[in-house]
Amino acid sequence: MASGSADKCPVDHSSFASSSKEQCPVDHSARSSWSSILGRQSQDGHGAAELPDTPAPPANLPLDRETSSIPRVDGGNWVYPSQAQFFAAMARKNHNPEESDMKVVVPIHNAVNERAWQEIMKWEAGQGGDKCGGVKLVSFRGRPNDRTPRAWWYSLLGFSPPFDRHDWVVDRCGNRMRYVIDFYTGHGGGPASRNVSFFLDVRPALDSWEGVRLRTERFWQRWTGRLWGEPAKQANTQSKS
């Protein structure tokens, strides 16, 4: 089991007691459906919650933690919680977790976070982050009760609202950039399918000129088929004989 400053998970630890060395650099005032999954670790590494009435996770749950592909600003990569830590955190929030569910829930949680980072990297492609070792995740915050304007608009159009929202702050060569992520669920293979799928709506926040620029360029490219500032392609014409 990893330990030290790099032994952290990029999630919102809202309402969880933790020491300053163990907590992620996020706003702990928000509560998130995907977040609040890593409390203060116990001496045996199972991560049992500190309240006396919170049950400890089953002793046979794995303690192994997966290292993400998401780089940290202080070196290394973020580390996801173990199944035991996930169980303990859910138990503390009275979610009545089942031991057998952890082997499914934890990999899904990790995969969704990886997908979110991949979507951010699509926005960051060609923006110069590679000149300083790549873009890195500074922090993120769960804001499930703060619906974005786009989510409100989609709801008015008849779509289901997102089940969660995150704000991720990344560092690109010393410049901080906030991304907004709306998490949606659906069913793959048709309405009757039991296979749950996830859709992530990831975009730069419009609270900076850089965010406005990236959103404007993406809109331009989507509707014109060419990059911002790229000359229009002239259609090849052939003279008729």
C-alpha atoms as a PDB file:
ATOM      1  CA  MET A   1       0.000   0.000   0.000  1.00  0.00           C
ATOM      2  CA  ALA A   2       1.396   3.335  -0.987  1.00  0.00           C
ATOM      3  CA  SER A   3       2.032   6.045   1.564  1.00  0.00           C
ATOM      4  CA  GLY A   4       3.338   9.577   1.815  1.00  0.00           C
ATOM      5  CA  SER A   5       2.439  12.714  -0.086  1.00  0.00           C
ATOM      6  CA  ALA A   6       1.887  10.865  -3.340  1.00  0.00           C
ATOM      7  CA  ASP A   7      -0.469   8.385  -1.641  1.00  0.00           C
ATOM      8  CA  LYS A   8      -3.630  10.345  -2.286  1.00  0.00           C
ATOM      9  CA  CYS A   9      -6.715  10.037  -4.434  1.00  0.00           C
ATOM     10  CA  PRO A  10      -8.122  12.793  -6.663  1.00  0.00           C
ATOM     11  CA  VAL A  11     -11.553  12.903  -5.054  1.00  0.00           C
ATOM     12  CA  ASP A  12     -13.591  15.250  -2.924  1.00  0.00           C
ATOM     13  CA  HIS A  13     -13.203  14.219   0.730  1.00  0.00           C
ATOM     14  CA  SER A  14     -16.102  16.303   1.973  1.00  0.00           C
ATOM     15  CA  SER A  15     -17.257  15.818   5.538  1.00  0.00           C
ATOM     16  CA  PHE A  16     -14.420  13.426   6.317  1.00  0.00           C
ATOM     17  CA  ALA A  17     -11.950  14.016   9.134  1.00  0.00           C
ATOM     18  CA  SER A  18      -8.360  13.839   7.946  1.00  0.00           C
ATOM     19  CA  SER A  19      -4.999  15.209   8.822  1.00  0.00           C
ATOM     20  CA  SER A  20      -3.432  17.931   6.710  1.00  0.00           C
ATOM     21  CA  LYS A  21      -0.929  15.464   5.304  1.00  0.00           C
ATOM     22  CA  GLU A  22      -3.539  12.920   4.205  1.00  0.00           C
ATOM     23  CA  GLN A  23      -6.158  15.092   2.602  1.00  0.00           C
ATOM     24  CA  CYS A  24      -6.419  16.056  -1.045  1.00  0.00           C
ATOM     25  CA  PRO A  25      -6.159  19.781  -1.873  1.00  0.00           C
ATOM     26  CA  VAL A  26      -9.882  20.181  -2.530  1.00  0.00           C
ATOM     27  CA  ASP A  27     -12.804  22.088  -1.060  1.00  0.00           C
ATOM     28  CA  HIS A  28     -14.247  19.832   1.647  1.00  0.00           C
ATOM     29  CA  SER A  29     -17.510  21.802   1.941  1.00  0.00           C
ATOM     30  CA  ALA A  30     -19.186  20.080  -1.003  1.00  0.00           C
ATOM     31  CA  ARG A  31     -20.732  16.616  -1.052  1.00  0.00           C
ATOM     32  CA  SER A  32     -20.507  14.486  -4.166  1.00  0.00           C
ATOM     33  CA  SER A  33     -22.003  11.205  -5.337  1.00  0.00           C
ATOM     34  CA  TRP A  34     -18.648  10.042  -6.666  1.00  0.00           C
ATOM     35  CA  SER A  35     -16.658  11.701  -3.937  1.00  0.00           C
ATOM     36  CA  SER A  36     -16.258  11.345  -0.194  1.00  0.00           C
ATOM     37  CA  ILE A  37     -14.606   7.953  -0.566  1.00  0.00           C
ATOM     38  CA  LEU A  38     -11.335   8.263   1.279  1.00  0.00           C
ATOM     39  CA  GLY A  39     -11.300   9.028   4.972  1.00  0.00           C
ATOM     40  CA  ARG A  40      -8.430   8.997   7.400  1.00  0.00           C
ATOM     41  CA  GLN A  41      -6.568   5.708   7.248  1.00  0.00           C
ATOM     42  CA  SER A  42      -6.415   3.445  10.243  1.00  0.00           C
ATOM     43  CA  GLN A  43      -3.209   1.870  11.496  1.00  0.00           C
ATOM     44  CA  ASP A  44      -3.994  -1.454   9.801  1.00  0.00           C
ATOM     45  CA  GLY A  45      -4.509   0.265   6.465  1.00  0.00           C
ATOM     46  CA  HIS A  46      -8.171  -0.627   6.104  1.00  0.00           C
ATOM     47  CA  GLY A  47      -9.229   2.984   6.237  1.00  0.00           C
ATOM     48  CA  ALA A  48     -12.019   2.503   8.758  1.00  0.00           C
ATOM     49  CA  ALA A  49     -13.868   5.689   9.558  1.00  0.00           C
ATOM     50  CA  GLU A  50     -12.915   7.328  12.823  1.00  0.00           C
ATOM     51  CA  LEU A  51     -16.389   7.615  14.328  1.00  0.00           C
ATOM     52  CA  PRO A  52     -16.915   4.853  16.920  1.00  0.00           C
ATOM     53  CA  ASP A  53     -20.306   3.850  15.476  1.00  0.00           C
ATOM     54  CA  THR A  54     -18.936   3.319  11.975  1.00  0.00           C
ATOM     55  CA  PRO A  55     -18.312  -0.350  11.158  1.00  0.00           C
ATOM     56  CA  ALA A  56     -14.889  -1.381   9.961  1.00  0.00           C
ATOM     57  CA  PRO A  57     -14.693  -2.831   6.451  1.00  0.00           C
ATOM     58  CA  PRO A  58     -14.526  -6.609   6.105  1.00  0.00           C
ATOM     59  CA  ALA A  59     -10.991  -7.807   6.758  1.00  0.00           C
ATOM     60  CA  ASN A  60     -10.854  -9.745   3.490  1.00  0.00           C
ATOM     61  CA  LEU A  61     -11.418  -6.710   1.278  1.00  0.00           C
ATOM     62  CA  PRO A  62      -8.259  -5.902  -0.726  1.00  0.00           C
ATOM     63  CA  LEU A  63      -5.998  -3.097   0.437  1.00  0.00           C
ATOM     64  CA  ASP A  64      -4.301  -2.733  -2.934  1.00  0.00           C
ATOM     65  CA  ARG A  65      -4.606   0.693  -4.511  1.00  0.00           C
ATOM     66  CA  GLU A  66      -4.380   1.507  -8.199  1.00  0.00           C
ATOM     67  CA  THR A  67      -2.156   4.327  -9.354  1.00  0.00           C
ATOM     68  CA  SER A  68      -3.943   6.546 -11.865  1.00  0.00           C
ATOM     69  CA  SER A  69      -2.544   8.024 -15.060  1.00  0.00           C
ATOM     70  CA  ILE A  70      -3.292  11.514 -13.703  1.00  0.00           C
ATOM     71  CA  PRO A  71      -0.114  13.415 -12.758  1.00  0.00           C
ATOM     72  CA  ARG A  72       0.185  15.536  -9.629  1.00  0.00           C
ATOM     73  CA  VAL A  73       1.817  18.944  -9.470  1.00  0.00           C
ATOM     74  CA  ASP A  74       4.202  17.763  -6.736  1.00  0.00           C
ATOM     75  CA  GLY A  75       5.382  14.698  -8.638  1.00  0.00           C
ATOM     76  CA  GLY A  76       4.016  11.208  -9.140  1.00  0.00           C
ATOM     77  CA  ASN A  77       0.439  10.345  -9.953  1.00  0.00           C
ATOM     78  CA  TRP A  78      -2.793  10.373  -7.996  1.00  0.00           C
ATOM     79  CA  VAL A  79      -3.682   7.083  -6.301  1.00  0.00           C
ATOM     80  CA  TYR A  80      -7.190   5.653  -6.118  1.00  0.00           C
ATOM     81  CA  PRO A  81      -8.662   4.170  -2.907  1.00  0.00           C
ATOM     82  CA  SER A  82      -8.618   0.471  -2.154  1.00  0.00           C
ATOM     83  CA  GLN A  83     -11.810  -1.546  -1.942  1.00  0.00           C
ATOM     84  CA  ALA A  84     -11.516  -1.506   1.853  1.00  0.00           C
ATOM     85  CA  GLN A  85     -11.213   2.283   1.958  1.00  0.00           C
ATOM     86  CA  PHE A  86     -14.117   2.699  -0.444  1.00  0.00           C
ATOM     87  CA  PHE A  87     -16.294   0.436   1.714  1.00  0.00           C
ATOM     88  CA  ALA A  88     -15.347   2.278   4.921  1.00  0.00           C
ATOM     89  CA  ALA A  89     -16.128   5.690   3.477  1.00  0.00           C
ATOM     90  CA  MET A  90     -19.490   4.549   2.093  1.00  0.00           C
ATOM     91  CA  ALA A  91     -20.364   2.978   5.460  1.00  0.00           C
ATOM     92  CA  ARG A  92     -19.586   6.187   7.252  1.00  0.00           C
ATOM     93  CA  LYS A  93     -22.036   8.050   5.019  1.00  0.00           C
ATOM     94  CA  ASN A  94     -24.705   5.404   5.724  1.00  0.00           C
ATOM     95  CA  HIS A  95     -24.825   4.120   2.143  1.00  0.00           C
ATOM     96  CA  ASN A  96     -25.056   0.491   3.353  1.00  0.00           C
ATOM     97  CA  PRO A  97     -22.318  -0.848   1.081  1.00  0.00           C
ATOM     98  CA  GLU A  98     -22.133  -4.503   0.162  1.00  0.00           C
ATOM     99  CA  GLU A  99     -18.762  -6.225   0.270  1.00  0.00           C
ATOM    100  CA  SER A 100     -19.431  -8.025  -3.014  1.00  0.00           C
ATOM    101  CA  ASP A 101     -20.122  -4.724  -4.791  1.00  0.00           C
ATOM    102  CA  MET A 102     -16.678  -3.265  -4.130  1.00  0.00           C
ATOM    103  CA  LYS A 103     -14.944  -5.285  -6.837  1.00  0.00           C
ATOM    104  CA  VAL A 104     -17.318  -3.669  -9.354  1.00  0.00           C
ATOM    105  CA  VAL A 105     -17.838  -0.176  -7.916  1.00  0.00           C
ATOM    106  CA  VAL A 106     -14.180   0.684  -7.385  1.00  0.00           C
ATOM    107  CA  PRO A 107     -13.017  -0.178 -10.932  1.00  0.00           C
ATOM    108  CA  ILE A 108     -15.952   1.808 -12.351  1.00  0.00           C
ATOM    109  CA  HIS A 109     -15.052   4.809 -10.200  1.00  0.00           C
ATOM    110  CA  ASN A 110     -11.439   4.603 -11.370  1.00  0.00           C
ATOM    111  CA  ALA A 111     -12.388   4.167 -15.023  1.00  0.00           C
ATOM    112  CA  VAL A 112     -14.724   7.192 -14.962  1.00  0.00           C
ATOM    113  CA  ASN A 113     -11.976   9.367 -13.491  1.00  0.00           C
ATOM    114  CA  GLU A 114      -9.551   8.156 -16.163  1.00  0.00           C
ATOM    115  CA  ARG A 115     -12.111   8.997 -18.836  1.00  0.00           C
ATOM    116  CA  ALA A 116     -12.533  12.484 -17.382  1.00  0.00           C
ATOM    117  CA  TRP A 117      -8.790  13.071 -17.591  1.00  0.00           C
ATOM    118  CA  GLN A 118      -8.680  11.815 -21.188  1.00  0.00           C
ATOM    119  CA  GLU A 119     -11.405  14.294 -22.132  1.00  0.00           C
ATOM    120  CA  ILE A 120      -9.480  17.135 -20.502  1.00  0.00           C
ATOM    121  CA  MET A 121      -6.369  16.089 -22.423  1.00  0.00           C
ATOM    122  CA  LYS A 122      -8.318  16.429 -25.672  1.00  0.00           C
ATOM    123  CA  TRP A 123      -8.970  20.074 -24.793  1.00  0.00           C
ATOM    124  CA  GLU A 124      -5.350  20.573 -23.757  1.00  0.00           C
ATOM    125  CA  ALA A 125      -3.858  19.053 -26.907  1.00  0.00           C
ATOM    126  CA  GLY A 126      -1.687  21.571 -28.713  1.00  0.00           C
ATOM    127  CA  GLN A 127      -1.924  24.181 -25.952  1.00  0.00           C
ATOM    128  CA  GLY A 128       1.747  24.001 -24.939  1.00  0.00           C
ATOM    129  CA  GLY A 129       1.556  21.869 -21.827  1.00  0.00           C
ATOM    130  CA  ASP A 130       4.149  19.465 -23.224  1.00  0.00           C
ATOM    131  CA  LYS A 131       6.805  22.196 -22.981  1.00  0.00           C
ATOM    132  CA  CYS A 132       6.905  21.908 -19.186  1.00  0.00           C
ATOM    133  CA  GLY A 133       6.386  18.210 -18.566  1.00  0.00           C
ATOM    134  CA  GLY A 134       2.691  18.000 -19.313  1.00  0.00           C
ATOM    135  CA  VAL A 135      -0.579  19.174 -17.801  1.00  0.00           C
ATOM    136  CA  LYS A 136      -1.150  18.167 -14.174  1.00  0.00           C
ATOM    137  CA  LEU A 137      -4.187  17.934 -11.928  1.00  0.00           C
ATOM    138  CA  VAL A 138      -4.057  20.359  -9.013  1.00  0.00           C
ATOM    139  CA  SER A 139      -7.374  19.547  -7.347  1.00  0.00           C
ATOM    140  CA  PHE A 140     -11.011  18.908  -7.910  1.00  0.00           C
ATOM    141  CA  ARG A 141     -14.235  19.548  -6.131  1.00  0.00           C
ATOM    142  CA  GLY A 142     -17.554  17.751  -6.185  1.00  0.00           C
ATOM    143  CA  ARG A 143     -20.529  20.068  -6.671  1.00  0.00           C
ATOM    144  CA  PRO A 144     -23.555  17.770  -7.200  1.00  0.00           C
ATOM    145  CA  ASN A 145     -26.040  20.400  -6.034  1.00  0.00           C
ATOM    146  CA  ASP A 146     -24.738  23.151  -8.342  1.00  0.00           C
ATOM    147  CA  ARG A 147     -26.216  22.410 -11.740  1.00  0.00           C
ATOM    148  CA  THR A 148     -24.426  24.041 -14.647  1.00  0.00           C
ATOM    149  CA  PRO A 149     -26.307  26.225 -17.182  1.00  0.00           C
ATOM    150  CA  ARG A 150     -25.734  23.585 -19.845  1.00  0.00           C
ATOM    151  CA  ALA A 151     -27.173  20.875 -17.606  1.00  0.00           C
ATOM    152  CA  TRP A 152     -30.227  23.046 -16.924  1.00  0.00           C
ATOM    153  CA  TRP A 153     -30.673  23.540 -20.678  1.00  0.00           C
ATOM    154  CA  TYR A 154     -30.411  19.821 -21.388  1.00  0.00           C
ATOM    155  CA  SER A 155     -32.995  19.172 -18.657  1.00  0.00           C
ATOM    156  CA  LEU A 156     -35.393  21.606 -20.330  1.00  0.00           C
ATOM    157  CA  LEU A 157     -34.933  19.627 -23.542  1.00  0.00           C
ATOM    158  CA  GLY A 158     -36.075  16.478 -21.752  1.00  0.00           C
ATOM    159  CA  PHE A 159     -32.755  14.865 -20.861  1.00  0.00           C
ATOM    160  CA  SER A 160     -32.117  13.436 -17.411  1.00  0.00           C
ATOM    161  CA  PRO A 161     -30.028  15.703 -15.190  1.00  0.00           C
ATOM    162  CA  PRO A 162     -26.450  14.711 -14.384  1.00  0.00           C
ATOM    163  CA  PHE A 163     -26.011  12.641 -11.263  1.00  0.00           C
ATOM    164  CA  ASP A 164     -22.878  14.575 -10.320  1.00  0.00           C
ATOM    165  CA  ARG A 165     -20.689  17.519 -11.204  1.00  0.00           C
ATOM    166  CA  HIS A 166     -16.988  18.076 -10.635  1.00  0.00           C
ATOM    167  CA  ASP A 167     -14.749  21.087 -11.071  1.00  0.00           C
ATOM    168  CA  TRP A 168     -11.183  20.040 -11.896  1.00  0.00           C
ATOM    169  CA  VAL A 169      -8.307  22.522 -11.700  1.00  0.00           C
ATOM    170  CA  VAL A 170      -5.279  21.735 -13.855  1.00  0.00           C
ATOM    171  CA  ASP A 171      -1.881  23.330 -14.148  1.00  0.00           C
ATOM    172  CA  ARG A 172      -0.437  24.075 -17.569  1.00  0.00           C
ATOM    173  CA  CYS A 173       3.096  25.444 -17.187  1.00  0.00           C
ATOM    174  CA  GLY A 174       2.145  27.517 -14.155  1.00  0.00           C
ATOM    175  CA  ASN A 175      -1.235  28.629 -15.469  1.00  0.00           C
ATOM    176  CA  ARG A 176      -4.279  27.284 -13.631  1.00  0.00           C
ATOM    177  CA  MET A 177      -7.339  26.266 -15.606  1.00  0.00           C
ATOM    178  CA  ARG A 178     -10.711  25.062 -14.331  1.00  0.00           C
ATOM    179  CA  TYR A 179     -12.707  22.412 -16.141  1.00  0.00           C
ATOM    180  CA  VAL A 180     -16.363  21.586 -15.514  1.00  0.00           C
ATOM    181  CA  ILE A 181     -17.511  17.963 -15.745  1.00  0.00           C
ATOM    182  CA  ASP A 182     -21.140  16.827 -15.757  1.00  0.00           C
ATOM    183  CA  PHE A 183     -21.625  13.084 -15.180  1.00  0.00           C
ATOM    184  CA  TYR A 184     -24.588  11.371 -16.826  1.00  0.00           C
ATOM    185  CA  THR A 185     -25.741   7.751 -16.774  1.00  0.00           C
ATOM    186  CA  GLY A 186     -27.468   5.776 -19.462  1.00  0.00           C
ATOM    187  CA  HIS A 187     -28.044   2.213 -20.611  1.00  0.00           C
ATOM    188  CA  GLY A 188     -25.999   0.710 -23.398  1.00  0.00           C
ATOM    189  CA  GLY A 189     -27.671  -1.590 -25.894  1.00  0.00           C
ATOM    190  CA  GLY A 190     -31.098   0.018 -25.786  1.00  0.00           C
ATOM    191  CA  PRO A 191     -33.595   1.110 -23.108  1.00  0.00           C
ATOM    192  CA  ALA A 192     -34.143  -2.437 -21.860  1.00  0.00           C
ATOM    193  CA  SER A 193     -30.450  -3.109 -21.342  1.00  0.00           C
ATOM    194  CA  ARG A 194     -29.091  -3.463 -17.807  1.00  0.00           C
ATOM    195  CA  ASN A 195     -25.621  -2.356 -18.861  1.00  0.00           C
ATOM    196  CA  VAL A 196     -25.036   1.051 -17.316  1.00  0.00           C
ATOM    197  CA  SER A 197     -22.990   3.469 -19.371  1.00  0.00           C
ATOM    198  CA  PHE A 198     -21.581   6.863 -18.504  1.00  0.00           C
ATOM    199  CA  PHE A 199     -21.433  10.077 -20.483  1.00  0.00           C
ATOM    200  CA  LEU A 200     -19.088  12.846 -19.420  1.00  0.00           C
ATOM    201  CA  ASP A 201     -19.662  16.407 -20.605  1.00  0.00           C
ATOM    202  CA  VAL A 202     -16.226  17.977 -20.104  1.00  0.00           C
ATOM    203  CA  ARG A 203     -15.383  21.568 -21.017  1.00  0.00           C
ATOM    204  CA  PRO A 204     -13.322  24.537 -19.799  1.00  0.00           C
ATOM    205  CA  ALA A 205     -15.094  26.850 -17.379  1.00  0.00           C
ATOM    206  CA  LEU A 206     -16.000  30.264 -18.752  1.00  0.00           C
ATOM    207  CA  ASP A 207     -14.406  32.105 -15.851  1.00  0.00           C
ATOM    208  CA  SER A 208     -11.201  33.001 -17.692  1.00  0.00           C
ATOM    209  CA  TRP A 209     -10.223  34.310 -21.108  1.00  0.00           C
ATOM    210  CA  GLU A 210      -8.367  31.069 -21.731  1.00  0.00           C
ATOM    211  CA  GLY A 211     -11.527  29.079 -21.110  1.00  0.00           C
ATOM    212  CA  VAL A 212     -13.512  31.353 -23.415  1.00  0.00           C
ATOM    213  CA  ARG A 213     -10.834  30.993 -26.102  1.00  0.00           C
ATOM    214  CA  LEU A 214     -10.815  27.198 -25.979  1.00  0.00           C
ATOM    215  CA  ARG A 215     -14.607  26.979 -26.056  1.00  0.00           C
ATOM    216  CA  THR A 216     -14.799  29.444 -28.960  1.00  0.00           C
ATOM    217  CA  GLU A 217     -12.189  27.541 -30.953  1.00  0.00           C
ATOM    218  CA  ARG A 218     -13.994  24.237 -30.373  1.00  0.00           C
ATOM    219  CA  PHE A 219     -17.302  25.774 -31.465  1.00  0.00           C
ATOM    220  CA  TRP A 220     -15.659  27.205 -34.583  1.00  0.00           C
ATOM    221  CA  GLN A 221     -14.029  23.906 -35.485  1.00  0.00           C
ATOM    222  CA  ARG A 222     -17.244  21.981 -34.962  1.00  0.00           C
ATOM    223  CA  TRP A 223     -19.296  24.202 -37.228  1.00  0.00           C
ATOM    224  CA  THR A 224     -16.753  25.087 -39.899  1.00  0.00           C
ATOM    225  CA  GLY A 225     -14.658  21.928 -39.988  1.00  0.00           C
ATOM    226  CA  ARG A 226     -11.397  23.835 -39.603  1.00  0.00           C
ATOM    227  CA  LEU A 227      -9.258  25.264 -36.841  1.00  0.00           C
ATOM    228  CA  TRP A 228      -9.478  28.877 -35.727  1.00  0.00           C
ATOM    229  CA  GLY A 229      -7.288  30.989 -38.030  1.00  0.00           C
ATOM    230  CA  GLU A 230      -6.911  28.219 -40.588  1.00  0.00           C
ATOM    231  CA  PRO A 231      -7.707  29.397 -44.129  1.00  0.00           C
ATOM    232  CA  ALA A 232     -10.723  27.873 -45.769  1.00  0.00           C
ATOM    233  CA  LYS A 233      -9.943  25.012 -48.112  1.00  0.00           C
ATOM    234  CA  GLN A 234     -10.672  25.790 -51.710  1.00  0.00           C
ATOM    235  CA  ALA A 235     -12.593  23.158 -53.561  1.00  0.00           C
ATOM    236  CA  ASN A 236     -10.731  21.601 -56.445  1.00  0.00           C
ATOM    237  CA  THR A 237     -12.427  22.471 -59.691  1.00  0.00           C
ATOM    238  CA  GLN A 238     -11.812  20.905 -63.026  1.00  0.00           C
ATOM    239  CA  SER A 239     -12.581  22.607 -66.282  1.00  0.00           C
ATOM    240  CA  LYS A 240     -15.146  20.866 -68.335  1.00  0.00           C
ATOM    241  CA  SER A 241     -14.079  19.931 -71.799  1.00  0.00           C
END
